[in-house]
Amino acid sequence: MANVGLLFVGAVLFMNGLMLLGKVEARAAAVFNLFVGALQVLTPTYLIFVADNDPKKILAASGIYLFGFTYLYVGIGLLAGLDTTGVGYYSLFVAVAALGYSFASFRILKDYPFGVIWLYWAFLWFLFFLLLGLKKDGLTAYTGWVTAIEGWVTGVIPAGLLLAGYWKYPDEAAIALGVFAVVVFGALWPLTRNSRHRPTPAASTTELSAPT
C-alpha cells in the first residue's frame, strides 16, 4: 500500500515542479495535491493500525504524514490564495525531520536506498522553505526542475520497481542515487543561473505557487 502512495507522490511532485516552471496553472495543480494529500494521510493511518505495535513498521509509516500534510496544506493554500510563508516554514520542519528519517533508514531499518532518498527529500523541502518561507523567488526555476526530477527519481521509478518486484541490489542503488543527485542537481545550478536574475512565469504568482 505504501508503494502505491509513493507512486502518486512522484506524480504530484512532477505536477508541482511543472507548476513552478509555469507549465501548469496553480489552481489546477491544487486539486491533485488534495487527492494525493488525502491518500498520504489515510495510508500511514492504515499501516500503523495494522502494524501490531511493531516499532519499525510504525517508524516506516510515520514519515508519510510529513508529505500528506504538505500536499493538503499546499492544495488548500493554492485554492484559497493564502500567503506561502506557512507552508514554507512547515517545509523547514519537514526538511529537518527528513534528516532524522534518513538516519533511521540507514541505522535502524537498514534501507540504504531510502536513506539516500530521504536526503533527497530533505534537500527539496529545504528549497521549498527558501522559496516559499523566505521568498527567494530567484530559486523558482531551480526548485521547479529539482521537484519535477525528484518526482521520478524518488517516487515513480522506485515505486514501479517495488511494485514489480525488481527493487534489488540496495547498496548499488544507494550509491547510484547519491551520484545522480550530486551530478544532476549540481549541473542544474549554473543552467538556471539566468532565471535567478529575472522573473519566471511561476515567480510572478508566488502567492499561488506553493509546491510539493
Protein backbone atom coordinates (compact mmCIF):
# COMPACT_ATOMS: atom_id res chain seq x y z
CA MET A 1 0.00 0.00 0.00
CA ALA A 2 2.83 2.39 0.82
CA ASN A 3 4.34 1.73 -2.61
CA VAL A 4 1.13 2.80 -4.32
CA GLY A 5 1.23 6.01 -2.29
CA LEU A 6 4.86 6.53 -3.31
CA LEU A 7 3.84 6.30 -6.96
CA PHE A 8 1.42 9.17 -6.54
CA VAL A 9 3.94 11.17 -4.53
CA GLY A 10 6.07 11.04 -7.65
CA ALA A 11 3.13 12.20 -9.73
CA VAL A 12 2.32 15.18 -7.51
CA LEU A 13 5.96 16.24 -7.28
CA PHE A 14 6.21 16.13 -11.08
CA MET A 15 2.99 18.17 -11.36
CA ASN A 16 4.17 20.74 -8.83
CA GLY A 17 7.55 21.03 -10.50
CA LEU A 18 5.78 21.87 -13.75
CA MET A 19 3.65 24.37 -11.86
CA LEU A 20 6.74 26.16 -10.58
CA LEU A 21 8.12 26.20 -14.13
CA GLY A 22 4.93 27.89 -15.33
CA LYS A 23 3.62 24.89 -17.28
CA VAL A 24 0.64 24.01 -15.05
CA GLU A 25 -1.83 26.52 -13.64
CA ALA A 26 -1.68 26.70 -9.85
CA ARG A 27 -5.35 26.09 -9.07
CA ALA A 28 -5.43 23.13 -11.43
CA ALA A 29 -2.49 21.60 -9.55
CA ALA A 30 -4.22 22.29 -6.23
CA VAL A 31 -6.90 19.67 -6.83
CA PHE A 32 -4.36 16.92 -7.42
CA ASN A 33 -2.46 17.99 -4.28
CA LEU A 34 -5.65 17.44 -2.30
CA PHE A 35 -6.16 13.97 -3.81
CA VAL A 36 -2.61 12.87 -3.00
CA GLY A 37 -2.61 14.59 0.38
CA ALA A 38 -5.70 12.65 1.42
CA LEU A 39 -4.14 9.40 0.21
CA GLN A 40 -0.93 10.14 2.13
CA VAL A 41 -2.83 10.66 5.36
CA LEU A 42 -5.08 7.62 5.02
CA THR A 43 -2.21 5.29 4.01
CA PRO A 44 0.01 5.69 7.10
CA THR A 45 -3.05 5.63 9.36
CA TYR A 46 -3.97 2.22 7.96
CA LEU A 47 -0.37 0.95 8.07
CA ILE A 48 0.05 1.99 11.70
CA PHE A 49 -3.32 0.48 12.61
CA VAL A 50 -2.29 -2.94 11.22
CA ALA A 51 1.34 -2.73 12.42
CA ASP A 52 0.57 -4.72 15.59
CA ASN A 53 2.73 -2.29 17.62
CA ASP A 54 5.84 -3.19 15.61
CA PRO A 55 8.13 -0.16 16.20
CA LYS A 56 9.92 -0.50 12.86
CA LYS A 57 6.69 -0.68 10.88
CA ILE A 58 5.30 2.31 12.73
CA LEU A 59 8.53 4.23 12.16
CA ALA A 60 8.48 3.45 8.43
CA ALA A 61 4.84 4.55 8.09
CA SER A 62 5.01 7.67 10.25
CA GLY A 63 7.13 9.68 7.83
CA ILE A 64 4.39 9.54 5.20
CA TYR A 65 2.36 12.04 7.23
CA LEU A 66 5.01 14.69 6.58
CA PHE A 67 4.11 14.62 2.90
CA GLY A 68 0.38 14.09 3.29
CA PHE A 69 0.03 17.23 5.37
CA THR A 70 2.28 19.12 2.94
CA TYR A 71 0.07 18.33 -0.04
CA LEU A 72 -3.14 19.14 1.84
CA TYR A 73 -1.62 22.41 3.05
CA VAL A 74 -0.48 23.27 -0.47
CA GLY A 75 -3.78 22.33 -2.11
CA ILE A 76 -5.86 24.38 0.33
CA GLY A 77 -3.40 27.27 0.16
CA LEU A 78 -3.49 27.37 -3.63
CA LEU A 79 -7.28 27.34 -3.78
CA ALA A 80 -7.66 29.92 -1.01
CA GLY A 81 -4.87 32.16 -2.29
CA LEU A 82 -3.04 32.02 1.04
CA ASP A 83 0.40 33.52 1.61
CA THR A 84 3.09 30.85 1.26
CA THR A 85 5.05 31.56 4.45
CA GLY A 86 3.08 28.98 6.44
CA VAL A 87 3.80 26.08 4.09
CA GLY A 88 7.33 27.44 3.69
CA TYR A 89 8.18 27.21 7.37
CA TYR A 90 6.38 23.87 7.64
CA SER A 91 8.72 22.74 4.84
CA LEU A 92 11.68 23.65 7.07
CA PHE A 93 10.24 21.34 9.72
CA VAL A 94 9.87 18.58 7.13
CA ALA A 95 13.44 19.09 5.90
CA VAL A 96 14.85 18.67 9.41
CA ALA A 97 12.60 15.69 10.13
CA ALA A 98 13.67 14.09 6.84
CA LEU A 99 17.28 14.11 8.06
CA GLY A 100 16.13 12.12 11.07
CA TYR A 101 14.27 9.64 8.89
CA SER A 102 17.34 9.30 6.69
CA PHE A 103 19.40 8.42 9.76
CA ALA A 104 16.73 5.93 10.86
CA SER A 105 16.67 4.33 7.41
CA PHE A 106 20.43 3.83 7.48
CA ARG A 107 20.84 2.77 11.11
CA ILE A 108 17.56 1.14 12.18
CA LEU A 109 15.75 -0.06 9.06
CA LYS A 110 18.94 -0.85 7.09
CA ASP A 111 17.21 0.51 4.00
CA TYR A 112 20.13 2.28 2.32
CA PRO A 113 18.41 3.45 -0.88
CA PHE A 114 15.67 5.12 1.13
CA GLY A 115 18.28 6.58 3.44
CA VAL A 116 19.54 8.43 0.38
CA ILE A 117 16.02 9.21 -0.85
CA TRP A 118 15.21 10.85 2.49
CA LEU A 119 18.24 13.08 1.90
CA TYR A 120 16.78 13.98 -1.50
CA TRP A 121 13.56 14.98 0.23
CA ALA A 122 15.38 16.96 2.93
CA PHE A 123 17.14 18.96 0.21
CA LEU A 124 13.93 19.52 -1.73
CA TRP A 125 11.86 20.62 1.25
CA PHE A 126 14.67 22.99 2.28
CA LEU A 127 14.40 24.55 -1.18
CA PHE A 128 10.67 24.94 -0.56
CA PHE A 129 11.49 26.74 2.69
CA LEU A 130 13.83 29.13 0.90
CA LEU A 131 11.36 29.75 -1.93
CA LEU A 132 8.10 29.92 -0.01
CA GLY A 133 9.13 30.81 3.53
CA LEU A 134 11.93 33.29 2.81
CA LYS A 135 10.53 34.36 -0.60
CA LYS A 136 13.74 33.65 -2.53
CA ASP A 137 11.95 33.96 -5.86
CA GLY A 138 15.21 33.59 -7.78
CA LEU A 139 15.15 29.89 -6.85
CA THR A 140 11.83 29.25 -8.60
CA ALA A 141 13.21 27.66 -11.77
CA TYR A 142 15.88 25.64 -9.95
CA THR A 143 13.35 24.38 -7.42
CA GLY A 144 10.88 23.56 -10.18
CA TRP A 145 13.39 21.40 -12.01
CA VAL A 146 14.56 19.66 -8.82
CA THR A 147 10.93 18.99 -7.84
CA ALA A 148 10.00 17.52 -11.22
CA ILE A 149 13.12 15.34 -11.37
CA GLU A 150 12.69 14.09 -7.81
CA GLY A 151 9.13 13.11 -8.68
CA TRP A 152 10.57 10.44 -10.98
CA VAL A 153 13.77 9.54 -9.12
CA THR A 154 12.34 9.31 -5.60
CA GLY A 155 8.74 8.42 -6.41
CA VAL A 156 7.66 6.94 -9.72
CA ILE A 157 10.73 4.82 -10.52
CA PRO A 158 11.27 3.30 -7.02
CA ALA A 159 7.53 2.66 -6.68
CA GLY A 160 7.38 0.96 -10.06
CA LEU A 161 10.37 -1.25 -9.26
CA LEU A 162 8.99 -2.15 -5.83
CA LEU A 163 5.53 -2.95 -7.17
CA ALA A 164 7.01 -5.12 -9.94
CA GLY A 165 9.42 -6.92 -7.60
CA TYR A 166 12.56 -5.54 -9.27
CA TRP A 167 13.84 -3.42 -6.34
CA LYS A 168 17.16 -5.22 -5.84
CA TYR A 169 20.86 -4.50 -5.15
CA PRO A 170 20.27 -1.91 -2.40
CA ASP A 171 23.92 -0.94 -1.93
CA GLU A 172 24.39 -0.22 -5.63
CA ALA A 173 21.05 1.61 -5.79
CA ALA A 174 22.04 3.85 -2.86
CA ILE A 175 25.37 4.74 -4.50
CA ALA A 176 23.70 5.41 -7.86
CA LEU A 177 21.11 7.67 -6.25
CA GLY A 178 23.80 9.63 -4.43
CA VAL A 179 25.92 10.12 -7.55
CA PHE A 180 22.87 11.10 -9.61
CA ALA A 181 21.86 13.77 -7.11
CA VAL A 182 25.31 15.37 -6.95
CA VAL A 183 25.81 15.38 -10.71
CA VAL A 184 22.32 16.40 -11.87
CA PHE A 185 21.38 18.91 -9.19
CA GLY A 186 24.87 20.37 -9.28
CA ALA A 187 24.65 20.80 -13.06
CA LEU A 188 21.21 22.39 -12.80
CA TRP A 189 22.50 25.24 -10.65
CA PRO A 190 24.53 27.04 -13.35
CA LEU A 191 21.97 26.11 -16.01
CA THR A 192 19.25 28.01 -14.13
CA ARG A 193 21.55 30.94 -13.30
CA ASN A 194 19.93 33.36 -15.77
CA SER A 195 16.46 32.68 -14.36
CA ARG A 196 17.69 33.74 -10.92
CA HIS A 197 18.22 37.27 -12.26
CA ARG A 198 14.85 37.74 -13.96
CA PRO A 199 11.23 36.86 -13.09
CA THR A 200 9.98 33.43 -14.16
CA PRO A 201 6.35 32.65 -15.08
CA ALA A 202 5.81 30.93 -11.74
CA ALA A 203 7.69 33.55 -9.72
CA SER A 204 5.17 36.19 -10.71
CA THR A 205 2.48 34.27 -8.80
CA THR A 206 4.41 33.37 -5.66
CA GLU A 207 1.23 33.50 -3.60
CA LEU A 208 -0.19 30.61 -5.60
CA SER A 209 2.89 28.57 -6.39
CA ALA A 210 3.41 26.55 -3.24
CA PRO A 211 4.98 23.21 -4.27
CA THR A 212 5.38 19.58 -3.21
